[in-house]
C-alpha cells in the first residue's frame, strides 16, 4: 500500500499555499449602522441596548439583541405579500457581523419591486 500526499487542484508540488484569514467571532456590530444610514433605514435602540431597524418600505426588519439570553443575537425578517410568504433568519452571537451585513446587502441589491 502506497501513501501519497494530498494534492490541491491547480497547485504545483512544493508551491506555497496562500494564507487566508477567515471570519471568526462576532466582530463589531457598529459596521451595520453605516449600511442602515446609507440606505435610509430607520432604527431605535431600546432601553436594554437592543437595536431594531426597519427598511424604508418597512418590509424588512433587522434586530440585534446582544444581551438577551432568551433570543438569538441577530434576526433578519422579511414580511410576505398576498402572493409570496415572508421568511426569517436568526444568527447567534458568534456569527460574524460581516456575514449579517452581506446578507442584508444581498437582500437590498436583489430586491424586486
Foldseek 3Di string as FASTA:
>chain_A
DDDDDDDDPPDDPPDDDDDDDDDWFAPDLVVVVVVCVVQVWDWDQDPQRKIWIAGPVRQWIWIARQPDPVFAGIKIWGCDDPVGHIDMDGHHRTPYSVVVVVVVVCCVVPPDD
